[in-house]
Every structure is written in structure tokens, then in C-alpha cells.
Amino acid sequence: MGRGLRLNENAYTQIKPIGEDVMKNLKIGHRLGLGFAAVLVLLVAVATFGLQQVSRLNDRIVFLTSIDEGKLEALSKVQFAVGLRAIAARNRWSVGPPNRKAMSTWSAAPRKRSNPAWPN
């Protein structure tokens, strides 16, 4: 015998699943109501599971961002300081030589060209 099956009084008759007689005796409205109730129960179960998973994911995101927020802020400060130093180094070499001797020969007057073929 299979699970959930029963024999009628006569062992040589058909085997019917348990509850088949109960479902046959119900009116169509009741059967539809039971089916709708089963779908609603499944819907509530899936929605509850989904909300729990979203809540867990939200907790993990809050935890990860709270830890990494300090690291990101420190990295931002380091990047800003490196940028300032790079600008200072560029300005130092683009403005002119840093020593006084070279500064005395450096002037804003236009230079004469060494090649006489070029126009002044």
C-alpha cells in the first residue's frame, strides 16, 4: 500500500487517496475558498520570508558601511593631501628655480633668439 492510501472494505476494489471523498462532497464554492486560502497562506509565508531576508541584508549593509566609513574618510583625507603636495611641486618647478643665484638671472624680460634667421 502506498502512503496516504487506504483500501475499501473489499480488498479487490480500487484504492482511493485519503480525502478524495471529502473533496467530492464539498460544493464548488467551498473548494475554491479552500484553494484561495491555501494560496493566501503561501503568499503570507513567502512575504514573511522575504521581509526577513531584506531586514538581514539591511543590517549587514549598515554594519559594513559603518566600519568602512572611517576608512573611506581617512582615504579621502590622504588623497586630498597628496593632491595638495602634487600641486605645490608642480607650482614650484613651473614658476622658476628655487635658489637665489638662479633667481637673479631669471627675469621677465624677453630673450633674444640665438638663431638670426628667426624673427624677433
Protein backbone atom coordinates (compact mmCIF):
# COMPACT_ATOMS: atom_id res chain seq x y z
CA MET A 1 0.00 0.00 0.00
CA GLY A 2 1.17 3.48 -0.79
CA ARG A 3 1.45 6.20 1.77
CA GLY A 4 -1.83 8.08 2.33
CA LEU A 5 -3.88 5.39 0.60
CA ARG A 6 -6.46 3.10 2.09
CA LEU A 7 -8.32 0.03 0.99
CA ASN A 8 -12.07 -0.15 0.85
CA GLU A 9 -13.84 -2.92 2.68
CA ASN A 10 -13.26 -5.23 -0.23
CA ALA A 11 -9.53 -5.66 -0.81
CA TYR A 12 -10.09 -6.17 -4.54
CA THR A 13 -11.65 -2.77 -5.19
CA GLN A 14 -9.89 0.43 -6.28
CA ILE A 15 -7.51 2.20 -3.92
CA LYS A 16 -8.51 5.83 -3.33
CA PRO A 17 -6.42 8.59 -1.74
CA ILE A 18 -7.48 9.78 1.70
CA GLY A 19 -9.67 12.87 1.48
CA GLU A 20 -10.91 12.28 -2.04
CA ASP A 21 -14.41 11.58 -0.75
CA VAL A 22 -14.30 14.72 1.38
CA MET A 23 -13.32 16.92 -1.58
CA LYS A 24 -16.00 15.37 -3.79
CA ASN A 25 -18.68 16.12 -1.22
CA LEU A 26 -17.77 19.82 -0.94
CA LYS A 27 -19.55 22.37 -3.06
CA ILE A 28 -17.54 24.19 -5.71
CA GLY A 29 -17.60 27.44 -3.70
CA HIS A 30 -16.05 25.73 -0.71
CA ARG A 31 -13.35 24.10 -2.87
CA LEU A 32 -12.50 27.45 -4.41
CA GLY A 33 -12.42 29.03 -0.95
CA LEU A 34 -10.02 26.36 0.34
CA GLY A 35 -7.77 26.83 -2.68
CA PHE A 36 -7.78 30.59 -2.24
CA ALA A 37 -7.00 30.20 1.47
CA ALA A 38 -4.06 27.90 0.63
CA VAL A 39 -2.71 30.46 -1.85
CA LEU A 40 -3.07 33.22 0.76
CA VAL A 41 -1.20 31.15 3.35
CA LEU A 42 1.63 30.58 0.86
CA LEU A 43 1.65 34.28 -0.02
CA VAL A 44 1.96 35.30 3.63
CA ALA A 45 4.75 32.75 4.18
CA VAL A 46 6.76 33.95 1.18
CA ALA A 47 6.23 37.62 2.10
CA THR A 48 7.37 36.98 5.68
CA PHE A 49 10.47 35.16 4.47
CA GLY A 50 11.25 37.96 2.00
CA LEU A 51 10.89 40.67 4.64
CA GLN A 52 13.20 38.78 7.00
CA GLN A 53 15.84 38.48 4.27
CA VAL A 54 15.58 42.19 3.39
CA SER A 55 15.91 43.09 7.07
CA ARG A 56 19.01 40.89 7.39
CA LEU A 57 20.52 42.43 4.27
CA ASN A 58 19.83 45.93 5.59
CA ASP A 59 21.55 45.10 8.88
CA ARG A 60 24.61 43.79 7.01
CA ILE A 61 24.78 46.90 4.81
CA VAL A 62 24.56 49.20 7.85
CA PHE A 63 27.31 47.20 9.59
CA LEU A 64 29.63 47.23 6.57
CA THR A 65 29.16 50.91 5.84
CA SER A 66 29.68 51.92 9.47
CA ILE A 67 33.03 50.09 9.57
CA ASP A 68 34.25 51.29 6.20
CA GLU A 69 33.04 54.87 6.65
CA GLY A 70 36.05 55.75 8.81
CA LYS A 71 38.43 54.13 6.36
CA LEU A 72 36.87 55.98 3.43
CA GLU A 73 37.12 59.28 5.27
CA ALA A 74 40.80 58.68 6.07
CA LEU A 75 41.46 57.71 2.45
CA SER A 76 39.77 60.89 1.26
CA LYS A 77 41.99 62.99 3.54
CA VAL A 78 45.11 61.23 2.27
CA GLN A 79 44.09 61.75 -1.36
CA PHE A 80 43.45 65.43 -0.69
CA ALA A 81 46.88 65.85 0.98
CA VAL A 82 48.62 64.08 -1.91
CA GLY A 83 46.80 66.34 -4.35
CA LEU A 84 47.95 69.45 -2.47
CA ARG A 85 51.55 68.25 -2.48
CA ALA A 86 51.40 67.47 -6.19
CA ILE A 87 50.07 70.97 -6.92
CA ALA A 88 52.78 72.53 -4.75
CA ALA A 89 55.50 70.52 -6.52
CA ARG A 90 54.15 71.48 -9.93
CA ASN A 91 53.97 75.15 -8.98
CA ARG A 92 57.48 75.10 -7.55
CA TRP A 93 59.03 73.86 -10.76
CA SER A 94 56.83 75.79 -13.15
CA VAL A 95 57.41 79.18 -11.52
CA GLY A 96 61.19 79.09 -11.55
CA PRO A 97 64.29 77.71 -9.90
CA PRO A 98 64.24 77.66 -6.11
CA ASN A 99 67.75 79.07 -5.38
CA ARG A 100 68.69 82.78 -5.24
CA LYS A 101 71.57 82.65 -7.72
CA ALA A 102 69.35 81.26 -10.44
CA MET A 103 66.61 83.74 -9.46
CA SER A 104 68.90 86.70 -10.07
CA THR A 105 69.41 85.69 -13.71
CA TRP A 106 65.79 84.84 -14.17
CA SER A 107 63.74 87.77 -15.34
CA ALA A 108 60.51 88.51 -17.05
CA ALA A 109 62.27 90.37 -19.93
CA PRO A 110 62.01 88.71 -23.34
CA ARG A 111 65.11 86.87 -24.51
CA LYS A 112 66.84 87.37 -27.83
CA ARG A 113 66.78 84.41 -30.10
CA SER A 114 70.04 82.66 -30.80
CA ASN A 115 69.19 81.93 -34.42
CA PRO A 116 69.31 85.10 -36.53
CA ALA A 117 67.00 83.54 -39.12
CA TRP A 118 64.12 83.63 -36.69
CA PRO A 119 62.21 86.85 -36.38
CA ASN A 120 62.31 88.57 -33.02
